[in-house]
Amino acid sequence: MLSTTEYVRQSLELHLFFTRIMKEHSFFLEIGFTPRDKDFAETADNFRRAFDIILMEALILSDGVINQSFLNSGEVITPYTLKTEEVSVFYTGVPINTELTKIEESLSEGTPNNINMLEQRVNDLNVRILNLLDELIRFKTKVLSDVTSCNMFTVNYPLLIDHILREAKLYNLLIQRLEEKEKITIEQEAIEQELFWNRIMAEHSLFIRGLLDPTENELIIAANNFGNEFNQLYEESKKAMDQTLPLSEVTSESLSATTDVRNFNEQGTQGILNCKVKSIIIPLLGDHVLRESNHYLRLLNTYTK
């Protein structure tokens, strides 16, 4: 069973990563709808703003509470987050709250004081996020259903909508486990997370491949190779779950591949910001996938200790 300190810290670290991911999912959906579906765009915008509020609350509770290793991981923000937000605002006109990013830059580590009061406030936050996630999951499910039944057109791939739906469901599951104070073994966590994130990393690479300009041959080939590599790792993760392949072997291979794709994502984000890469990739998406690869890297490094 989780201690109160573990419950508070793990909840807040989870929210600092995932609430930003959720608000950006809402942004990507919002800018992908056609004028006919302005009601859907407005709903996505409302979700984006709701997660802004949640993120601000998480930031207030987190300062002086979370681990320095988490802050250093690059999964909360990267050196490119603020700039990719500013350029994405310029391109779309959507008013992204960049003040949140500036606050995140000043977060500090520490040990929780007044732990009982913090526990109650974190519990309240967790419950409200679960309710918001339930609504977001229903919305994403509706959009995916409409797109796959040819009742809606959006510039987002159907697989991307399914992809962000799975991430919302994972976030929901992880909060529920925290609320139950469930403490799973490192091996169980490693198997589950590697199965999930190897698939996510594969899909990121395939999305990037499809959003690059057709003239970007070298980048397209590199992205395709990463997609194939992580699809293979996803299959190996299934074997590790079935105990037909050693988990340590999959973890080691996943760590190496994720380090490489993380560097690829960083170079791509830099190239997009510097107008050196021809694509239809909104800059914030580059930083988004970079943060997710940083998140997965931190998990993998934990599993190899």
C-alpha atoms as a PDB file:
ATOM      1  CA  MET A   1       0.000   0.000   0.000  1.00  0.00           C
ATOM      2  CA  LEU A   2       1.268   3.482  -0.864  1.00  0.00           C
ATOM      3  CA  SER A   3       2.304   5.789   1.954  1.00  0.00           C
ATOM      4  CA  THR A   4       0.633   9.194   2.135  1.00  0.00           C
ATOM      5  CA  THR A   5       3.806  10.897   0.921  1.00  0.00           C
ATOM      6  CA  GLU A   6       4.075   8.506  -2.040  1.00  0.00           C
ATOM      7  CA  TYR A   7       0.403   9.049  -2.858  1.00  0.00           C
ATOM      8  CA  VAL A   8       0.788  12.839  -2.869  1.00  0.00           C
ATOM      9  CA  ARG A   9       4.043  12.941  -4.803  1.00  0.00           C
ATOM     10  CA  GLN A  10       3.093  10.308  -7.391  1.00  0.00           C
ATOM     11  CA  SER A  11      -0.293  11.957  -7.976  1.00  0.00           C
ATOM     12  CA  LEU A  12       1.213  15.387  -8.542  1.00  0.00           C
ATOM     13  CA  GLU A  13       4.004  14.129 -10.785  1.00  0.00           C
ATOM     14  CA  LEU A  14       1.448  12.194 -12.819  1.00  0.00           C
ATOM     15  CA  HIS A  15      -0.678  15.327 -13.228  1.00  0.00           C
ATOM     16  CA  LEU A  16       2.224  17.582 -14.191  1.00  0.00           C
ATOM     17  CA  PHE A  17       2.958  15.238 -17.085  1.00  0.00           C
ATOM     18  CA  PHE A  18      -0.505  14.123 -18.142  1.00  0.00           C
ATOM     19  CA  THR A  19      -2.645  17.261 -17.706  1.00  0.00           C
ATOM     20  CA  ARG A  20      -0.398  19.064 -20.182  1.00  0.00           C
ATOM     21  CA  ILE A  21      -0.691  16.085 -22.532  1.00  0.00           C
ATOM     22  CA  MET A  22      -4.501  16.153 -22.235  1.00  0.00           C
ATOM     23  CA  LYS A  23      -4.784  19.882 -22.865  1.00  0.00           C
ATOM     24  CA  GLU A  24      -2.581  19.535 -25.935  1.00  0.00           C
ATOM     25  CA  HIS A  25      -4.681  16.643 -27.220  1.00  0.00           C
ATOM     26  CA  SER A  26      -7.657  18.981 -26.958  1.00  0.00           C
ATOM     27  CA  PHE A  27      -5.728  21.636 -28.884  1.00  0.00           C
ATOM     28  CA  PHE A  28      -4.791  19.186 -31.654  1.00  0.00           C
ATOM     29  CA  LEU A  29      -8.424  18.116 -31.958  1.00  0.00           C
ATOM     30  CA  GLU A  30      -9.648  21.722 -31.896  1.00  0.00           C
ATOM     31  CA  ILE A  31      -7.501  22.875 -34.819  1.00  0.00           C
ATOM     32  CA  GLY A  32      -8.318  19.754 -36.840  1.00  0.00           C
ATOM     33  CA  PHE A  33     -12.079  20.201 -37.213  1.00  0.00           C
ATOM     34  CA  THR A  34     -13.692  21.777 -40.279  1.00  0.00           C
ATOM     35  CA  PRO A  35     -15.953  24.875 -40.062  1.00  0.00           C
ATOM     36  CA  ARG A  36     -19.010  22.596 -40.214  1.00  0.00           C
ATOM     37  CA  ASP A  37     -18.025  21.052 -36.896  1.00  0.00           C
ATOM     38  CA  LYS A  38     -17.422  24.289 -34.997  1.00  0.00           C
ATOM     39  CA  ASP A  39     -19.410  22.883 -32.050  1.00  0.00           C
ATOM     40  CA  PHE A  40     -16.847  20.088 -31.722  1.00  0.00           C
ATOM     41  CA  ALA A  41     -14.041  22.649 -31.924  1.00  0.00           C
ATOM     42  CA  GLU A  42     -15.681  24.658 -29.141  1.00  0.00           C
ATOM     43  CA  THR A  43     -16.019  21.533 -26.999  1.00  0.00           C
ATOM     44  CA  ALA A  44     -12.341  20.715 -27.535  1.00  0.00           C
ATOM     45  CA  ASP A  45     -11.463  24.300 -26.614  1.00  0.00           C
ATOM     46  CA  ASN A  46     -13.472  23.983 -23.398  1.00  0.00           C
ATOM     47  CA  PHE A  47     -11.541  20.829 -22.495  1.00  0.00           C
ATOM     48  CA  ARG A  48      -8.264  22.624 -23.221  1.00  0.00           C
ATOM     49  CA  ARG A  49      -9.215  25.460 -20.878  1.00  0.00           C
ATOM     50  CA  ALA A  50     -10.449  23.035 -18.209  1.00  0.00           C
ATOM     51  CA  PHE A  51      -7.099  21.247 -18.192  1.00  0.00           C
ATOM     52  CA  ASP A  52      -5.357  24.630 -17.979  1.00  0.00           C
ATOM     53  CA  ILE A  53      -7.175  25.187 -14.682  1.00  0.00           C
ATOM     54  CA  ILE A  54      -6.292  21.696 -13.465  1.00  0.00           C
ATOM     55  CA  LEU A  55      -2.640  22.154 -14.411  1.00  0.00           C
ATOM     56  CA  MET A  56      -2.468  25.451 -12.525  1.00  0.00           C
ATOM     57  CA  GLU A  57      -3.839  23.753  -9.395  1.00  0.00           C
ATOM     58  CA  ALA A  58      -1.340  20.920  -9.764  1.00  0.00           C
ATOM     59  CA  LEU A  59       1.493  23.440 -10.112  1.00  0.00           C
ATOM     60  CA  ILE A  60       0.478  25.267  -6.944  1.00  0.00           C
ATOM     61  CA  LEU A  61       0.385  22.004  -4.983  1.00  0.00           C
ATOM     62  CA  SER A  62       3.607  20.648  -6.518  1.00  0.00           C
ATOM     63  CA  ASP A  63       6.100  23.396  -5.780  1.00  0.00           C
ATOM     64  CA  GLY A  64       8.505  22.188  -3.108  1.00  0.00           C
ATOM     65  CA  VAL A  65       6.956  18.707  -3.103  1.00  0.00           C
ATOM     66  CA  ILE A  66       8.179  16.755  -6.134  1.00  0.00           C
ATOM     67  CA  ASN A  67      11.488  15.030  -6.918  1.00  0.00           C
ATOM     68  CA  GLN A  68      14.332  16.825  -8.702  1.00  0.00           C
ATOM     69  CA  SER A  69      14.890  13.780 -10.933  1.00  0.00           C
ATOM     70  CA  PHE A  70      11.334  14.176 -12.195  1.00  0.00           C
ATOM     71  CA  LEU A  71      11.833  17.898 -12.848  1.00  0.00           C
ATOM     72  CA  ASN A  72      15.057  17.143 -14.738  1.00  0.00           C
ATOM     73  CA  SER A  73      13.493  14.430 -16.926  1.00  0.00           C
ATOM     74  CA  GLY A  74      12.166  16.755 -19.630  1.00  0.00           C
ATOM     75  CA  GLU A  75       8.657  15.323 -19.411  1.00  0.00           C
ATOM     76  CA  VAL A  76       7.088  18.365 -17.732  1.00  0.00           C
ATOM     77  CA  ILE A  77       8.563  20.906 -20.132  1.00  0.00           C
ATOM     78  CA  THR A  78      11.569  21.010 -22.460  1.00  0.00           C
ATOM     79  CA  PRO A  79      13.765  23.920 -23.593  1.00  0.00           C
ATOM     80  CA  TYR A  80      11.443  24.129 -26.617  1.00  0.00           C
ATOM     81  CA  THR A  81       8.005  24.047 -24.970  1.00  0.00           C
ATOM     82  CA  LEU A  82       7.473  27.789 -24.609  1.00  0.00           C
ATOM     83  CA  LYS A  83       8.678  28.578 -28.121  1.00  0.00           C
ATOM     84  CA  THR A  84       6.575  25.819 -29.717  1.00  0.00           C
ATOM     85  CA  GLU A  85       3.537  27.169 -27.863  1.00  0.00           C
ATOM     86  CA  GLU A  86       4.208  30.720 -29.027  1.00  0.00           C
ATOM     87  CA  VAL A  87       4.677  29.680 -32.659  1.00  0.00           C
ATOM     88  CA  SER A  88       1.569  27.464 -32.513  1.00  0.00           C
ATOM     89  CA  VAL A  89      -0.428  30.455 -31.227  1.00  0.00           C
ATOM     90  CA  PHE A  90       0.948  32.490 -34.143  1.00  0.00           C
ATOM     91  CA  TYR A  91      -0.113  29.838 -36.664  1.00  0.00           C
ATOM     92  CA  THR A  92      -3.572  29.065 -35.258  1.00  0.00           C
ATOM     93  CA  GLY A  93      -4.764  32.045 -33.239  1.00  0.00           C
ATOM     94  CA  VAL A  94      -5.717  29.697 -30.390  1.00  0.00           C
ATOM     95  CA  PRO A  95      -4.783  31.473 -27.110  1.00  0.00           C
ATOM     96  CA  ILE A  96      -2.536  28.907 -25.408  1.00  0.00           C
ATOM     97  CA  ASN A  97      -1.766  29.870 -21.804  1.00  0.00           C
ATOM     98  CA  THR A  98       2.026  30.179 -21.892  1.00  0.00           C
ATOM     99  CA  GLU A  99       2.123  31.488 -18.308  1.00  0.00           C
ATOM    100  CA  LEU A 100       1.736  27.894 -17.126  1.00  0.00           C
ATOM    101  CA  THR A 101       4.969  26.983 -18.886  1.00  0.00           C
ATOM    102  CA  LYS A 102       6.795  29.914 -17.282  1.00  0.00           C
ATOM    103  CA  ILE A 103       5.576  28.790 -13.846  1.00  0.00           C
ATOM    104  CA  GLU A 104       6.750  25.243 -14.549  1.00  0.00           C
ATOM    105  CA  GLU A 105      10.226  26.567 -15.313  1.00  0.00           C
ATOM    106  CA  SER A 106      10.483  27.788 -11.706  1.00  0.00           C
ATOM    107  CA  LEU A 107       9.238  24.641  -9.919  1.00  0.00           C
ATOM    108  CA  SER A 108      11.457  23.368  -7.111  1.00  0.00           C
ATOM    109  CA  GLU A 109      11.881  20.003  -5.405  1.00  0.00           C
ATOM    110  CA  GLY A 110      11.240  19.303  -1.751  1.00  0.00           C
ATOM    111  CA  THR A 111       9.666  17.176   0.941  1.00  0.00           C
ATOM    112  CA  PRO A 112       5.941  17.659   1.578  1.00  0.00           C
ATOM    113  CA  ASN A 113       4.925  19.592   4.700  1.00  0.00           C
ATOM    114  CA  ASN A 114       1.396  19.497   6.151  1.00  0.00           C
ATOM    115  CA  ILE A 115       1.020  16.104   4.502  1.00  0.00           C
ATOM    116  CA  ASN A 116      -2.519  15.507   5.768  1.00  0.00           C
ATOM    117  CA  MET A 117      -3.784  18.769   4.284  1.00  0.00           C
ATOM    118  CA  LEU A 118      -1.960  18.023   1.032  1.00  0.00           C
ATOM    119  CA  GLU A 119      -3.459  14.546   0.916  1.00  0.00           C
ATOM    120  CA  GLN A 120      -6.982  15.959   1.089  1.00  0.00           C
ATOM    121  CA  ARG A 121      -6.309  18.555  -1.596  1.00  0.00           C
ATOM    122  CA  VAL A 122      -4.684  15.981  -3.864  1.00  0.00           C
ATOM    123  CA  ASN A 123      -7.590  13.594  -3.344  1.00  0.00           C
ATOM    124  CA  ASP A 124     -10.010  16.357  -4.330  1.00  0.00           C
ATOM    125  CA  LEU A 125      -7.933  17.119  -7.418  1.00  0.00           C
ATOM    126  CA  ASN A 126      -7.759  13.443  -8.392  1.00  0.00           C
ATOM    127  CA  VAL A 127     -11.530  13.047  -8.165  1.00  0.00           C
ATOM    128  CA  ARG A 128     -12.159  16.124 -10.294  1.00  0.00           C
ATOM    129  CA  ILE A 129      -9.636  15.008 -12.905  1.00  0.00           C
ATOM    130  CA  LEU A 130     -11.290  11.575 -13.087  1.00  0.00           C
ATOM    131  CA  ASN A 131     -14.636  13.244 -13.776  1.00  0.00           C
ATOM    132  CA  LEU A 132     -13.101  15.476 -16.450  1.00  0.00           C
ATOM    133  CA  LEU A 133     -11.330  12.504 -18.021  1.00  0.00           C
ATOM    134  CA  ASP A 134     -14.589  10.568 -18.214  1.00  0.00           C
ATOM    135  CA  GLU A 135     -16.056  13.434 -20.247  1.00  0.00           C
ATOM    136  CA  LEU A 136     -12.954  13.728 -22.437  1.00  0.00           C
ATOM    137  CA  ILE A 137     -12.910   9.989 -23.117  1.00  0.00           C
ATOM    138  CA  ARG A 138     -16.556  10.124 -24.208  1.00  0.00           C
ATOM    139  CA  PHE A 139     -15.779  13.070 -26.486  1.00  0.00           C
ATOM    140  CA  LYS A 140     -12.767  11.397 -28.100  1.00  0.00           C
ATOM    141  CA  THR A 141     -14.769   8.191 -28.528  1.00  0.00           C
ATOM    142  CA  LYS A 142     -17.545  10.141 -30.288  1.00  0.00           C
ATOM    143  CA  VAL A 143     -15.073  11.879 -32.609  1.00  0.00           C
ATOM    144  CA  LEU A 144     -13.357   8.578 -33.448  1.00  0.00           C
ATOM    145  CA  SER A 145     -16.695   6.914 -34.149  1.00  0.00           C
ATOM    146  CA  ASP A 146     -17.819   9.747 -36.424  1.00  0.00           C
ATOM    147  CA  VAL A 147     -14.528   9.790 -38.323  1.00  0.00           C
ATOM    148  CA  THR A 148     -14.332   6.027 -38.846  1.00  0.00           C
ATOM    149  CA  SER A 149     -17.989   5.867 -39.959  1.00  0.00           C
ATOM    150  CA  CYS A 150     -17.360   8.675 -42.489  1.00  0.00           C
ATOM    151  CA  ASN A 151     -19.706  11.079 -40.706  1.00  0.00           C
ATOM    152  CA  MET A 152     -16.927  13.572 -40.003  1.00  0.00           C
ATOM    153  CA  PHE A 153     -13.756  14.833 -41.655  1.00  0.00           C
ATOM    154  CA  THR A 154     -10.808  16.045 -39.614  1.00  0.00           C
ATOM    155  CA  VAL A 155      -7.167  16.606 -40.499  1.00  0.00           C
ATOM    156  CA  ASN A 156      -6.217  14.233 -37.670  1.00  0.00           C
ATOM    157  CA  TYR A 157      -5.600  10.606 -38.599  1.00  0.00           C
ATOM    158  CA  PRO A 158      -8.151   8.126 -37.196  1.00  0.00           C
ATOM    159  CA  LEU A 159      -5.200   6.317 -35.591  1.00  0.00           C
ATOM    160  CA  LEU A 160      -4.110   9.556 -33.913  1.00  0.00           C
ATOM    161  CA  ILE A 161      -7.573   9.977 -32.393  1.00  0.00           C
ATOM    162  CA  ASP A 162      -7.483   6.368 -31.179  1.00  0.00           C
ATOM    163  CA  HIS A 163      -3.932   6.982 -29.910  1.00  0.00           C
ATOM    164  CA  ILE A 164      -4.911   9.985 -27.766  1.00  0.00           C
ATOM    165  CA  LEU A 165      -7.982   8.111 -26.532  1.00  0.00           C
ATOM    166  CA  ARG A 166      -5.750   5.310 -25.217  1.00  0.00           C
ATOM    167  CA  GLU A 167      -3.533   7.840 -23.449  1.00  0.00           C
ATOM    168  CA  ALA A 168      -6.562   9.362 -21.711  1.00  0.00           C
ATOM    169  CA  LYS A 169      -7.664   5.903 -20.596  1.00  0.00           C
ATOM    170  CA  LEU A 170      -4.183   5.153 -19.222  1.00  0.00           C
ATOM    171  CA  TYR A 171      -4.203   8.412 -17.257  1.00  0.00           C
ATOM    172  CA  ASN A 172      -7.619   7.492 -15.871  1.00  0.00           C
ATOM    173  CA  LEU A 173      -6.400   4.025 -14.835  1.00  0.00           C
ATOM    174  CA  LEU A 174      -3.274   5.357 -13.127  1.00  0.00           C
ATOM    175  CA  ILE A 175      -5.279   7.854 -11.060  1.00  0.00           C
ATOM    176  CA  GLN A 176      -7.707   5.119 -10.016  1.00  0.00           C
ATOM    177  CA  ARG A 177      -4.777   3.000  -8.828  1.00  0.00           C
ATOM    178  CA  LEU A 178      -3.439   5.923  -6.816  1.00  0.00           C
ATOM    179  CA  GLU A 179      -6.843   6.470  -5.237  1.00  0.00           C
ATOM    180  CA  GLU A 180      -6.874   2.821  -4.204  1.00  0.00           C
ATOM    181  CA  LYS A 181      -3.332   3.325  -2.793  1.00  0.00           C
ATOM    182  CA  GLU A 182      -2.366   0.335  -4.935  1.00  0.00           C
ATOM    183  CA  LYS A 183       1.353  -0.416  -4.990  1.00  0.00           C
ATOM    184  CA  ILE A 184       2.249  -2.745  -7.849  1.00  0.00           C
ATOM    185  CA  THR A 185       5.579  -4.518  -8.303  1.00  0.00           C
ATOM    186  CA  ILE A 186       8.228  -2.904 -10.458  1.00  0.00           C
ATOM    187  CA  GLU A 187       8.074  -5.927 -12.796  1.00  0.00           C
ATOM    188  CA  GLN A 188       4.317  -5.628 -13.302  1.00  0.00           C
ATOM    189  CA  GLU A 189       4.626  -1.904 -13.925  1.00  0.00           C
ATOM    190  CA  ALA A 190       7.482  -2.418 -16.382  1.00  0.00           C
ATOM    191  CA  ILE A 191       5.552  -4.986 -18.422  1.00  0.00           C
ATOM    192  CA  GLU A 192       2.413  -2.836 -18.597  1.00  0.00           C
ATOM    193  CA  GLN A 193       4.189   0.433 -19.348  1.00  0.00           C
ATOM    194  CA  GLU A 194       6.552  -1.009 -21.941  1.00  0.00           C
ATOM    195  CA  LEU A 195       3.677  -2.676 -23.765  1.00  0.00           C
ATOM    196  CA  PHE A 196       1.805   0.632 -23.798  1.00  0.00           C
ATOM    197  CA  TRP A 197       4.633   3.038 -24.609  1.00  0.00           C
ATOM    198  CA  ASN A 198       6.376   0.921 -27.253  1.00  0.00           C
ATOM    199  CA  ARG A 199       3.140   1.046 -29.224  1.00  0.00           C
ATOM    200  CA  ILE A 200       2.858   4.799 -28.617  1.00  0.00           C
ATOM    201  CA  MET A 201       6.451   5.393 -29.774  1.00  0.00           C
ATOM    202  CA  ALA A 202       5.787   3.384 -32.945  1.00  0.00           C
ATOM    203  CA  GLU A 203       2.696   5.436 -33.717  1.00  0.00           C
ATOM    204  CA  HIS A 204       4.473   8.743 -33.067  1.00  0.00           C
ATOM    205  CA  SER A 205       7.049   7.795 -35.676  1.00  0.00           C
ATOM    206  CA  LEU A 206       4.375   6.808 -38.184  1.00  0.00           C
ATOM    207  CA  PHE A 207       2.458  10.059 -37.618  1.00  0.00           C
ATOM    208  CA  ILE A 208       5.639  12.055 -38.185  1.00  0.00           C
ATOM    209  CA  ARG A 209       6.367  10.026 -41.320  1.00  0.00           C
ATOM    210  CA  GLY A 210       2.939  10.915 -42.701  1.00  0.00           C
ATOM    211  CA  LEU A 211       3.107  14.611 -41.786  1.00  0.00           C
ATOM    212  CA  LEU A 212       6.507  15.287 -43.336  1.00  0.00           C
ATOM    213  CA  ASP A 213       6.641  16.853 -46.782  1.00  0.00           C
ATOM    214  CA  PRO A 214       7.191  14.176 -49.460  1.00  0.00           C
ATOM    215  CA  THR A 215      10.538  15.791 -50.313  1.00  0.00           C
ATOM    216  CA  GLU A 216      11.951  15.072 -46.830  1.00  0.00           C
ATOM    217  CA  ASN A 217      13.158  11.638 -47.915  1.00  0.00           C
ATOM    218  CA  GLU A 218      15.809  11.044 -45.245  1.00  0.00           C
ATOM    219  CA  LEU A 219      13.519  12.033 -42.390  1.00  0.00           C
ATOM    220  CA  ILE A 220      10.676   9.930 -43.795  1.00  0.00           C
ATOM    221  CA  ILE A 221      12.948   6.874 -43.980  1.00  0.00           C
ATOM    222  CA  ALA A 222      14.244   7.482 -40.445  1.00  0.00           C
ATOM    223  CA  ALA A 223      10.721   7.883 -39.051  1.00  0.00           C
ATOM    224  CA  ASN A 224       9.588   4.737 -40.860  1.00  0.00           C
ATOM    225  CA  ASN A 225      12.534   2.783 -39.436  1.00  0.00           C
ATOM    226  CA  PHE A 226      11.666   3.918 -35.911  1.00  0.00           C
ATOM    227  CA  GLY A 227       8.060   2.885 -36.506  1.00  0.00           C
ATOM    228  CA  ASN A 228       9.159  -0.589 -37.546  1.00  0.00           C
ATOM    229  CA  GLU A 229      11.606  -0.887 -34.637  1.00  0.00           C
ATOM    230  CA  PHE A 230       9.011   0.023 -32.023  1.00  0.00           C
ATOM    231  CA  ASN A 231       6.382  -2.199 -33.609  1.00  0.00           C
ATOM    232  CA  GLN A 232       8.858  -5.053 -33.154  1.00  0.00           C
ATOM    233  CA  LEU A 233       9.455  -3.999 -29.541  1.00  0.00           C
ATOM    234  CA  TYR A 234       5.701  -3.903 -29.010  1.00  0.00           C
ATOM    235  CA  GLU A 235       5.484  -7.521 -30.159  1.00  0.00           C
ATOM    236  CA  GLU A 236       8.400  -8.424 -27.886  1.00  0.00           C
ATOM    237  CA  SER A 237       6.626  -6.707 -24.982  1.00  0.00           C
ATOM    238  CA  LYS A 238       3.667  -9.025 -25.560  1.00  0.00           C
ATOM    239  CA  LYS A 239       6.024 -12.001 -25.340  1.00  0.00           C
ATOM    240  CA  ALA A 240       7.484 -10.647 -22.096  1.00  0.00           C
ATOM    241  CA  MET A 241       3.961 -10.387 -20.720  1.00  0.00           C
ATOM    242  CA  ASP A 242       3.402 -14.023 -21.707  1.00  0.00           C
ATOM    243  CA  GLN A 243       6.790 -14.866 -20.141  1.00  0.00           C
ATOM    244  CA  THR A 244       8.126 -16.260 -23.421  1.00  0.00           C
ATOM    245  CA  LEU A 245      10.855 -13.600 -23.580  1.00  0.00           C
ATOM    246  CA  PRO A 246      12.940 -12.151 -20.707  1.00  0.00           C
ATOM    247  CA  LEU A 247      11.604  -8.768 -19.612  1.00  0.00           C
ATOM    248  CA  SER A 248      15.124  -7.452 -18.991  1.00  0.00           C
ATOM    249  CA  GLU A 249      15.985  -8.036 -22.646  1.00  0.00           C
ATOM    250  CA  VAL A 250      12.948  -6.057 -23.844  1.00  0.00           C
ATOM    251  CA  THR A 251      13.650  -3.258 -21.364  1.00  0.00           C
ATOM    252  CA  SER A 252      17.251  -2.943 -22.523  1.00  0.00           C
ATOM    253  CA  GLU A 253      16.252  -2.841 -26.196  1.00  0.00           C
ATOM    254  CA  SER A 254      13.441  -0.383 -25.458  1.00  0.00           C
ATOM    255  CA  LEU A 255      15.824   1.911 -23.583  1.00  0.00           C
ATOM    256  CA  SER A 256      18.252   2.008 -26.501  1.00  0.00           C
ATOM    257  CA  ALA A 257      15.515   2.614 -29.083  1.00  0.00           C
ATOM    258  CA  THR A 258      13.783   5.267 -26.979  1.00  0.00           C
ATOM    259  CA  THR A 259      17.049   7.144 -26.490  1.00  0.00           C
ATOM    260  CA  ASP A 260      17.486   7.205 -30.265  1.00  0.00           C
ATOM    261  CA  VAL A 261      13.924   8.267 -31.039  1.00  0.00           C
ATOM    262  CA  ARG A 262      14.076  10.891 -28.314  1.00  0.00           C
ATOM    263  CA  ASN A 263      17.099  12.432 -30.063  1.00  0.00           C
ATOM    264  CA  PHE A 264      15.280  12.216 -33.403  1.00  0.00           C
ATOM    265  CA  ASN A 265      12.240  13.960 -31.911  1.00  0.00           C
ATOM    266  CA  GLU A 266      14.422  16.708 -30.453  1.00  0.00           C
ATOM    267  CA  GLN A 267      16.199  17.308 -33.751  1.00  0.00           C
ATOM    268  CA  GLY A 268      12.849  17.357 -35.532  1.00  0.00           C
ATOM    269  CA  THR A 269      11.408  19.888 -33.095  1.00  0.00           C
ATOM    270  CA  GLN A 270      14.460  22.104 -33.553  1.00  0.00           C
ATOM    271  CA  GLY A 271      14.149  21.784 -37.326  1.00  0.00           C
ATOM    272  CA  ILE A 272      10.478  22.740 -37.292  1.00  0.00           C
ATOM    273  CA  LEU A 273      11.117  25.767 -35.055  1.00  0.00           C
ATOM    274  CA  ASN A 274      14.024  26.906 -37.246  1.00  0.00           C
ATOM    275  CA  CYS A 275      11.997  26.401 -40.436  1.00  0.00           C
ATOM    276  CA  LYS A 276      14.505  23.786 -41.618  1.00  0.00           C
ATOM    277  CA  VAL A 277      12.024  20.903 -41.919  1.00  0.00           C
ATOM    278  CA  LYS A 278       9.220  20.980 -44.470  1.00  0.00           C
ATOM    279  CA  SER A 279       6.082  19.455 -42.977  1.00  0.00           C
ATOM    280  CA  ILE A 280       2.511  20.017 -41.850  1.00  0.00           C
ATOM    281  CA  ILE A 281       3.521  19.343 -38.226  1.00  0.00           C
ATOM    282  CA  ILE A 282       2.244  21.982 -35.803  1.00  0.00           C
ATOM    283  CA  PRO A 283       5.311  22.903 -33.680  1.00  0.00           C
ATOM    284  CA  LEU A 284       3.666  21.988 -30.372  1.00  0.00           C
ATOM    285  CA  LEU A 285       3.205  18.416 -31.624  1.00  0.00           C
ATOM    286  CA  GLY A 286       6.980  18.108 -31.977  1.00  0.00           C
ATOM    287  CA  ASP A 287       7.508  19.139 -28.360  1.00  0.00           C
ATOM    288  CA  HIS A 288       4.587  16.949 -27.265  1.00  0.00           C
ATOM    289  CA  VAL A 289       6.113  13.735 -28.632  1.00  0.00           C
ATOM    290  CA  LEU A 290       9.527  14.775 -27.282  1.00  0.00           C
ATOM    291  CA  ARG A 291       8.092  15.050 -23.766  1.00  0.00           C
ATOM    292  CA  GLU A 292       6.397  11.670 -24.086  1.00  0.00           C
ATOM    293  CA  SER A 293       9.674  10.047 -25.138  1.00  0.00           C
ATOM    294  CA  ASN A 294      11.376  11.730 -22.151  1.00  0.00           C
ATOM    295  CA  HIS A 295       8.650  10.344 -19.883  1.00  0.00           C
ATOM    296  CA  TYR A 296       9.155   6.838 -21.241  1.00  0.00           C
ATOM    297  CA  LEU A 297      12.933   7.173 -20.880  1.00  0.00           C
ATOM    298  CA  ARG A 298      12.582   8.034 -17.196  1.00  0.00           C
ATOM    299  CA  LEU A 299      10.384   4.983 -16.659  1.00  0.00           C
ATOM    300  CA  LEU A 300      12.812   2.697 -18.491  1.00  0.00           C
ATOM    301  CA  ASN A 301      15.765   4.018 -16.506  1.00  0.00           C
ATOM    302  CA  THR A 302      13.809   3.245 -13.336  1.00  0.00           C
ATOM    303  CA  TYR A 303      13.196  -0.338 -14.488  1.00  0.00           C
ATOM    304  CA  THR A 304      16.870  -0.962 -15.284  1.00  0.00           C
ATOM    305  CA  LYS A 305      18.119   0.036 -11.799  1.00  0.00           C
END
